[in-house]
Amino acid sequence: MNAPAVVLIVDRDSHIPTLLDSANGDAPQMDIVEVHSGYQALEALNDRRGFDLVVSEIGLPDMSGLELCRTIKDRRTKGHPAVLLIADACHPGNPVELGHDAGAEGVMLRPLEQITLKSWCHTALRMHELERALEEQQALLAKFLETVRPCSRFAHELNNPLQGCMSAADLLSIHYPSDDRIKTYSRQIQESCERMSQLVNTHCRTLKDLLIAPPSPRSS
């Protein structure tokens, strides 16, 4: 990632930030924001946009990390952060299953291994970067389709009066068979309308093909 990844750490004793700081040597840099409770985490998420990853303990003093994770995922905001939950090995129930049910991308059990935590965070950040790029491509594609569909309707609406003009010119030549000027004008109108109709039909076919298989946005 070009800019440092923004990581929110929700930890009671500052053990997780220490591990990440010391594990940060040759890896992508992290801009770490540390809080110590679930409500502080929600305040941080509300005050500052653009968190890439939330690493939270499950056992927090005010609200559980599971509840925090569900709240983050329920917001369904564009580019919401990935979530890694940290649980004690003696946590009641199955913390891995509980974490995944809450929507977390991963769950780690204490004692934490520095290399494993480092590897998981960097993988999650890479996946988050790819998800954001995909969302941007989807937004571009939606904008493209929004532009193309009205053009397709306009092409069909234009083709109908062209056909009417061609029919009117044909009737003129039938009703005035001896008037060479009318026959000449009628032929010119029909030829011009025919060329325009062919352009419109070609345009319609092109738009139809684009709507069926729109172009993939180019990656930057």
C-alpha atoms as a PDB file:
ATOM      1  CA  MET A   1       0.000   0.000   0.000  1.00  0.00           C
ATOM      2  CA  ASN A   2       1.315   3.461  -0.792  1.00  0.00           C
ATOM      3  CA  ALA A   3       0.065   5.321   2.296  1.00  0.00           C
ATOM      4  CA  PRO A   4       0.358   3.733   5.748  1.00  0.00           C
ATOM      5  CA  ALA A   5      -2.569   1.480   6.592  1.00  0.00           C
ATOM      6  CA  VAL A   6      -4.774   2.935   9.306  1.00  0.00           C
ATOM      7  CA  VAL A   7      -5.295   0.336  12.055  1.00  0.00           C
ATOM      8  CA  LEU A   8      -7.540   0.738  15.098  1.00  0.00           C
ATOM      9  CA  ILE A   9      -6.373  -1.323  18.086  1.00  0.00           C
ATOM     10  CA  VAL A  10      -8.876  -1.987  20.875  1.00  0.00           C
ATOM     11  CA  ASP A  11      -6.812  -3.423  23.697  1.00  0.00           C
ATOM     12  CA  ARG A  12      -6.958  -3.218  27.485  1.00  0.00           C
ATOM     13  CA  ASP A  13      -3.228  -3.409  28.201  1.00  0.00           C
ATOM     14  CA  SER A  14      -1.488  -2.112  25.023  1.00  0.00           C
ATOM     15  CA  HIS A  15       0.031  -5.524  24.342  1.00  0.00           C
ATOM     16  CA  ILE A  16      -1.233  -5.726  20.728  1.00  0.00           C
ATOM     17  CA  PRO A  17       0.204  -2.342  19.585  1.00  0.00           C
ATOM     18  CA  THR A  18       3.564  -3.317  21.065  1.00  0.00           C
ATOM     19  CA  LEU A  19       3.586  -6.531  19.013  1.00  0.00           C
ATOM     20  CA  LEU A  20       2.612  -4.732  15.812  1.00  0.00           C
ATOM     21  CA  ASP A  21       5.116  -1.935  16.331  1.00  0.00           C
ATOM     22  CA  SER A  22       7.959  -4.366  16.849  1.00  0.00           C
ATOM     23  CA  ALA A  23       6.797  -6.478  13.912  1.00  0.00           C
ATOM     24  CA  ASN A  24       6.715  -3.544  11.564  1.00  0.00           C
ATOM     25  CA  GLY A  25      10.319  -3.572  10.322  1.00  0.00           C
ATOM     26  CA  ASP A  26      10.353  -4.381   6.593  1.00  0.00           C
ATOM     27  CA  ALA A  27       6.560  -4.681   6.289  1.00  0.00           C
ATOM     28  CA  PRO A  28       4.100  -2.060   5.032  1.00  0.00           C
ATOM     29  CA  GLN A  29       3.832   0.738   7.575  1.00  0.00           C
ATOM     30  CA  MET A  30       0.821   1.072   9.856  1.00  0.00           C
ATOM     31  CA  ASP A  31      -0.710   4.197  11.314  1.00  0.00           C
ATOM     32  CA  ILE A  32      -1.914   2.782  14.635  1.00  0.00           C
ATOM     33  CA  VAL A  33      -4.716   4.370  16.651  1.00  0.00           C
ATOM     34  CA  GLU A  34      -5.119   2.809  20.100  1.00  0.00           C
ATOM     35  CA  VAL A  35      -8.208   2.838  22.336  1.00  0.00           C
ATOM     36  CA  HIS A  36      -9.108   0.759  25.362  1.00  0.00           C
ATOM     37  CA  SER A  37     -12.852   0.085  25.172  1.00  0.00           C
ATOM     38  CA  GLY A  38     -15.591  -0.715  22.697  1.00  0.00           C
ATOM     39  CA  TYR A  39     -17.309   2.657  23.021  1.00  0.00           C
ATOM     40  CA  GLN A  40     -14.016   4.462  22.506  1.00  0.00           C
ATOM     41  CA  ALA A  41     -13.575   2.380  19.360  1.00  0.00           C
ATOM     42  CA  LEU A  42     -17.018   3.415  18.055  1.00  0.00           C
ATOM     43  CA  GLU A  43     -16.205   7.063  18.774  1.00  0.00           C
ATOM     44  CA  ALA A  44     -12.936   6.725  16.861  1.00  0.00           C
ATOM     45  CA  LEU A  45     -14.720   5.102  13.931  1.00  0.00           C
ATOM     46  CA  ASN A  46     -17.298   7.902  13.899  1.00  0.00           C
ATOM     47  CA  ASP A  47     -14.731  10.683  14.189  1.00  0.00           C
ATOM     48  CA  ARG A  48     -12.215   9.394  11.681  1.00  0.00           C
ATOM     49  CA  ARG A  49     -13.061   7.795   8.353  1.00  0.00           C
ATOM     50  CA  GLY A  50     -10.834   5.418   6.463  1.00  0.00           C
ATOM     51  CA  PHE A  51      -9.784   2.760   8.968  1.00  0.00           C
ATOM     52  CA  ASP A  52      -8.457  -0.238   7.099  1.00  0.00           C
ATOM     53  CA  LEU A  53      -8.367  -2.739   9.964  1.00  0.00           C
ATOM     54  CA  VAL A  54      -9.758  -3.093  13.477  1.00  0.00           C
ATOM     55  CA  VAL A  55      -7.914  -5.433  15.864  1.00  0.00           C
ATOM     56  CA  SER A  56      -9.952  -5.912  19.020  1.00  0.00           C
ATOM     57  CA  GLU A  57     -10.007  -8.067  22.078  1.00  0.00           C
ATOM     58  CA  ILE A  58     -13.240  -9.976  22.608  1.00  0.00           C
ATOM     59  CA  GLY A  59     -13.153  -9.341  26.362  1.00  0.00           C
ATOM     60  CA  LEU A  60     -13.548  -5.582  26.652  1.00  0.00           C
ATOM     61  CA  PRO A  61     -14.643  -3.763  29.834  1.00  0.00           C
ATOM     62  CA  ASP A  62     -17.816  -2.130  28.456  1.00  0.00           C
ATOM     63  CA  MET A  63     -18.990  -4.097  25.408  1.00  0.00           C
ATOM     64  CA  SER A  64     -17.668  -7.319  23.950  1.00  0.00           C
ATOM     65  CA  GLY A  65     -15.491  -7.361  20.890  1.00  0.00           C
ATOM     66  CA  LEU A  66     -18.173  -9.536  19.295  1.00  0.00           C
ATOM     67  CA  GLU A  67     -20.746  -6.765  19.754  1.00  0.00           C
ATOM     68  CA  LEU A  68     -18.280  -4.211  18.442  1.00  0.00           C
ATOM     69  CA  CYS A  69     -17.651  -6.344  15.364  1.00  0.00           C
ATOM     70  CA  ARG A  70     -21.384  -6.770  14.691  1.00  0.00           C
ATOM     71  CA  THR A  71     -21.887  -3.016  14.998  1.00  0.00           C
ATOM     72  CA  ILE A  72     -19.115  -2.322  12.494  1.00  0.00           C
ATOM     73  CA  LYS A  73     -20.448  -4.858  10.003  1.00  0.00           C
ATOM     74  CA  ASP A  74     -24.094  -3.810  10.420  1.00  0.00           C
ATOM     75  CA  ARG A  75     -23.244  -0.281   9.308  1.00  0.00           C
ATOM     76  CA  ARG A  76     -22.465  -1.649   5.845  1.00  0.00           C
ATOM     77  CA  THR A  77     -20.605   1.526   4.976  1.00  0.00           C
ATOM     78  CA  LYS A  78     -18.546   1.627   1.845  1.00  0.00           C
ATOM     79  CA  GLY A  79     -15.093   0.202   2.504  1.00  0.00           C
ATOM     80  CA  HIS A  80     -15.788  -0.738   6.139  1.00  0.00           C
ATOM     81  CA  PRO A  81     -12.672  -2.088   7.864  1.00  0.00           C
ATOM     82  CA  ALA A  82     -11.695  -5.701   8.215  1.00  0.00           C
ATOM     83  CA  VAL A  83     -11.929  -7.014  11.783  1.00  0.00           C
ATOM     84  CA  LEU A  84      -9.553  -9.329  13.666  1.00  0.00           C
ATOM     85  CA  LEU A  85     -10.703 -10.479  17.096  1.00  0.00           C
ATOM     86  CA  ILE A  86      -8.352 -11.601  19.861  1.00  0.00           C
ATOM     87  CA  ALA A  87      -9.656 -14.058  22.459  1.00  0.00           C
ATOM     88  CA  ASP A  88      -8.242 -15.751  25.524  1.00  0.00           C
ATOM     89  CA  ALA A  89      -7.822 -19.493  25.130  1.00  0.00           C
ATOM     90  CA  CYS A  90     -10.141 -19.972  28.131  1.00  0.00           C
ATOM     91  CA  HIS A  91     -12.921 -17.869  26.596  1.00  0.00           C
ATOM     92  CA  PRO A  92     -16.301 -19.620  27.119  1.00  0.00           C
ATOM     93  CA  GLY A  93     -17.743 -21.336  24.070  1.00  0.00           C
ATOM     94  CA  ASN A  94     -15.926 -21.470  20.773  1.00  0.00           C
ATOM     95  CA  PRO A  95     -14.445 -17.983  20.216  1.00  0.00           C
ATOM     96  CA  VAL A  96     -13.439 -18.736  16.625  1.00  0.00           C
ATOM     97  CA  GLU A  97     -16.987 -19.748  15.704  1.00  0.00           C
ATOM     98  CA  LEU A  98     -18.479 -16.856  17.684  1.00  0.00           C
ATOM     99  CA  GLY A  99     -16.158 -14.399  15.942  1.00  0.00           C
ATOM    100  CA  HIS A 100     -16.979 -15.623  12.474  1.00  0.00           C
ATOM    101  CA  ASP A 101     -20.697 -15.520  13.295  1.00  0.00           C
ATOM    102  CA  ALA A 102     -20.235 -11.872  14.301  1.00  0.00           C
ATOM    103  CA  GLY A 103     -18.705 -11.139  10.894  1.00  0.00           C
ATOM    104  CA  ALA A 104     -15.019 -11.019  11.796  1.00  0.00           C
ATOM    105  CA  GLU A 105     -12.543 -11.861   9.072  1.00  0.00           C
ATOM    106  CA  GLY A 106     -10.379 -13.704  11.593  1.00  0.00           C
ATOM    107  CA  VAL A 107     -10.000 -14.767  15.219  1.00  0.00           C
ATOM    108  CA  MET A 108      -6.724 -15.375  17.035  1.00  0.00           C
ATOM    109  CA  LEU A 109      -6.245 -17.016  20.425  1.00  0.00           C
ATOM    110  CA  ARG A 110      -3.783 -15.963  23.072  1.00  0.00           C
ATOM    111  CA  PRO A 111      -0.901 -16.332  23.564  1.00  0.00           C
ATOM    112  CA  LEU A 112      -0.252 -14.286  20.411  1.00  0.00           C
ATOM    113  CA  GLU A 113       2.677 -15.124  18.186  1.00  0.00           C
ATOM    114  CA  GLN A 114       4.209 -12.015  16.704  1.00  0.00           C
ATOM    115  CA  ILE A 115       4.869 -13.476  13.252  1.00  0.00           C
ATOM    116  CA  THR A 116       1.333 -14.904  13.003  1.00  0.00           C
ATOM    117  CA  LEU A 117      -0.270 -11.622  14.046  1.00  0.00           C
ATOM    118  CA  LYS A 118       1.925  -9.728  11.605  1.00  0.00           C
ATOM    119  CA  SER A 119       1.136 -12.102   8.737  1.00  0.00           C
ATOM    120  CA  TRP A 120      -2.613 -12.035   9.378  1.00  0.00           C
ATOM    121  CA  CYS A 121      -2.751  -8.223   9.581  1.00  0.00           C
ATOM    122  CA  HIS A 122      -0.825  -7.731   6.363  1.00  0.00           C
ATOM    123  CA  THR A 123      -2.987 -10.299   4.536  1.00  0.00           C
ATOM    124  CA  ALA A 124      -6.167  -8.642   5.825  1.00  0.00           C
ATOM    125  CA  LEU A 125      -4.922  -5.212   4.748  1.00  0.00           C
ATOM    126  CA  ARG A 126      -4.110  -6.492   1.266  1.00  0.00           C
ATOM    127  CA  MET A 127      -7.562  -8.061   0.948  1.00  0.00           C
ATOM    128  CA  HIS A 128      -9.134  -4.830   2.180  1.00  0.00           C
ATOM    129  CA  GLU A 129      -7.215  -2.876  -0.456  1.00  0.00           C
ATOM    130  CA  LEU A 130      -8.478  -5.238  -3.167  1.00  0.00           C
ATOM    131  CA  GLU A 131     -12.061  -4.966  -1.894  1.00  0.00           C
ATOM    132  CA  ARG A 132     -11.906  -1.175  -2.048  1.00  0.00           C
ATOM    133  CA  ALA A 133     -10.519  -1.326  -5.592  1.00  0.00           C
ATOM    134  CA  LEU A 134     -13.374  -3.656  -6.561  1.00  0.00           C
ATOM    135  CA  GLU A 135     -15.932  -1.288  -5.038  1.00  0.00           C
ATOM    136  CA  GLU A 136     -14.460   1.591  -7.057  1.00  0.00           C
ATOM    137  CA  GLN A 137     -14.657  -0.491 -10.243  1.00  0.00           C
ATOM    138  CA  GLN A 138     -18.256  -1.416  -9.507  1.00  0.00           C
ATOM    139  CA  ALA A 139     -19.105   2.267  -8.969  1.00  0.00           C
ATOM    140  CA  LEU A 140     -17.520   3.161 -12.317  1.00  0.00           C
ATOM    141  CA  LEU A 141     -19.417   0.340 -14.005  1.00  0.00           C
ATOM    142  CA  ALA A 142     -22.723   1.468 -12.477  1.00  0.00           C
ATOM    143  CA  LYS A 143     -22.079   5.011 -13.703  1.00  0.00           C
ATOM    144  CA  PHE A 144     -21.290   3.675 -17.175  1.00  0.00           C
ATOM    145  CA  LEU A 145     -24.535   1.675 -17.323  1.00  0.00           C
ATOM    146  CA  GLU A 146     -26.496   4.651 -16.016  1.00  0.00           C
ATOM    147  CA  THR A 147     -25.163   6.675 -18.957  1.00  0.00           C
ATOM    148  CA  VAL A 148     -25.644   3.994 -21.612  1.00  0.00           C
ATOM    149  CA  ARG A 149     -29.255   2.990 -20.906  1.00  0.00           C
ATOM    150  CA  PRO A 150     -30.825   6.416 -21.692  1.00  0.00           C
ATOM    151  CA  CYS A 151     -28.763   6.560 -24.902  1.00  0.00           C
ATOM    152  CA  SER A 152     -30.206   3.216 -25.939  1.00  0.00           C
ATOM    153  CA  ARG A 153     -33.772   4.450 -25.380  1.00  0.00           C
ATOM    154  CA  PHE A 154     -33.017   7.649 -27.307  1.00  0.00           C
ATOM    155  CA  ALA A 155     -31.714   5.625 -30.264  1.00  0.00           C
ATOM    156  CA  HIS A 156     -34.952   3.643 -30.479  1.00  0.00           C
ATOM    157  CA  GLU A 157     -37.056   6.795 -30.186  1.00  0.00           C
ATOM    158  CA  LEU A 158     -35.076   8.448 -32.977  1.00  0.00           C
ATOM    159  CA  ASN A 159     -35.440   5.483 -35.296  1.00  0.00           C
ATOM    160  CA  ASN A 160     -39.254   5.639 -35.295  1.00  0.00           C
ATOM    161  CA  PRO A 161     -39.619   9.187 -36.768  1.00  0.00           C
ATOM    162  CA  LEU A 162     -36.917   8.374 -39.328  1.00  0.00           C
ATOM    163  CA  GLN A 163     -39.057   5.519 -40.583  1.00  0.00           C
ATOM    164  CA  GLY A 164     -42.015   7.909 -40.714  1.00  0.00           C
ATOM    165  CA  CYS A 165     -40.033  10.424 -42.806  1.00  0.00           C
ATOM    166  CA  MET A 166     -39.049   7.694 -45.250  1.00  0.00           C
ATOM    167  CA  SER A 167     -42.669   6.606 -45.613  1.00  0.00           C
ATOM    168  CA  ALA A 168     -43.827  10.220 -46.169  1.00  0.00           C
ATOM    169  CA  ALA A 169     -41.191  10.771 -48.873  1.00  0.00           C
ATOM    170  CA  ASP A 170     -42.273   7.567 -50.564  1.00  0.00           C
ATOM    171  CA  LEU A 171     -45.912   8.716 -50.563  1.00  0.00           C
ATOM    172  CA  LEU A 172     -44.931  12.053 -52.136  1.00  0.00           C
ATOM    173  CA  SER A 173     -43.270  10.315 -55.069  1.00  0.00           C
ATOM    174  CA  ILE A 174     -46.346   8.102 -55.504  1.00  0.00           C
ATOM    175  CA  HIS A 175     -48.830  11.006 -55.446  1.00  0.00           C
ATOM    176  CA  TYR A 176     -46.734  13.214 -57.759  1.00  0.00           C
ATOM    177  CA  PRO A 177     -45.248  10.750 -60.248  1.00  0.00           C
ATOM    178  CA  SER A 178     -44.773  13.375 -62.977  1.00  0.00           C
ATOM    179  CA  ASP A 179     -43.003  15.986 -60.839  1.00  0.00           C
ATOM    180  CA  ASP A 180     -39.302  15.352 -61.236  1.00  0.00           C
ATOM    181  CA  ARG A 181     -38.304  17.799 -58.488  1.00  0.00           C
ATOM    182  CA  ILE A 182     -40.536  16.071 -55.933  1.00  0.00           C
ATOM    183  CA  LYS A 183     -39.211  12.687 -57.023  1.00  0.00           C
ATOM    184  CA  THR A 184     -35.622  13.968 -56.644  1.00  0.00           C
ATOM    185  CA  TYR A 185     -36.301  15.488 -53.210  1.00  0.00           C
ATOM    186  CA  SER A 186     -38.144  12.360 -52.149  1.00  0.00           C
ATOM    187  CA  ARG A 187     -35.239  10.149 -53.146  1.00  0.00           C
ATOM    188  CA  GLN A 188     -32.745  12.389 -51.322  1.00  0.00           C
ATOM    189  CA  ILE A 189     -34.897  12.348 -48.167  1.00  0.00           C
ATOM    190  CA  GLN A 190     -35.196   8.571 -48.303  1.00  0.00           C
ATOM    191  CA  GLU A 191     -31.463   8.107 -48.810  1.00  0.00           C
ATOM    192  CA  SER A 192     -30.587  10.465 -45.956  1.00  0.00           C
ATOM    193  CA  CYS A 193     -33.099   8.822 -43.626  1.00  0.00           C
ATOM    194  CA  GLU A 194     -31.831   5.393 -44.595  1.00  0.00           C
ATOM    195  CA  ARG A 195     -28.255   6.362 -43.722  1.00  0.00           C
ATOM    196  CA  MET A 196     -29.373   7.829 -40.399  1.00  0.00           C
ATOM    197  CA  SER A 197     -31.476   4.739 -39.679  1.00  0.00           C
ATOM    198  CA  GLN A 198     -28.474   2.493 -40.334  1.00  0.00           C
ATOM    199  CA  LEU A 199     -26.361   4.593 -37.957  1.00  0.00           C
ATOM    200  CA  VAL A 200     -29.062   4.401 -35.283  1.00  0.00           C
ATOM    201  CA  ASN A 201     -29.425   0.619 -35.692  1.00  0.00           C
ATOM    202  CA  THR A 202     -25.665   0.162 -35.480  1.00  0.00           C
ATOM    203  CA  HIS A 203     -25.633   2.339 -32.356  1.00  0.00           C
ATOM    204  CA  CYS A 204     -28.443   0.271 -30.801  1.00  0.00           C
ATOM    205  CA  ARG A 205     -26.611  -2.999 -31.464  1.00  0.00           C
ATOM    206  CA  THR A 206     -23.416  -1.589 -29.947  1.00  0.00           C
ATOM    207  CA  LEU A 207     -25.239  -0.389 -26.836  1.00  0.00           C
ATOM    208  CA  LYS A 208     -27.009  -3.739 -26.510  1.00  0.00           C
ATOM    209  CA  ASP A 209     -23.671  -5.561 -26.642  1.00  0.00           C
ATOM    210  CA  LEU A 210     -22.243  -3.187 -24.010  1.00  0.00           C
ATOM    211  CA  LEU A 211     -25.203  -3.745 -21.690  1.00  0.00           C
ATOM    212  CA  ILE A 212     -24.863  -7.518 -22.037  1.00  0.00           C
ATOM    213  CA  ALA A 213     -21.084  -7.518 -21.527  1.00  0.00           C
ATOM    214  CA  PRO A 214     -19.934  -4.080 -20.285  1.00  0.00           C
ATOM    215  CA  PRO A 215     -16.213  -3.349 -20.429  1.00  0.00           C
ATOM    216  CA  SER A 216     -14.144  -4.082 -17.343  1.00  0.00           C
ATOM    217  CA  PRO A 217     -12.728  -0.933 -15.748  1.00  0.00           C
ATOM    218  CA  ARG A 218      -8.969  -0.751 -16.119  1.00  0.00           C
ATOM    219  CA  SER A 219      -6.975  -1.189 -12.986  1.00  0.00           C
ATOM    220  CA  SER A 220      -4.777   1.730 -12.064  1.00  0.00           C
END
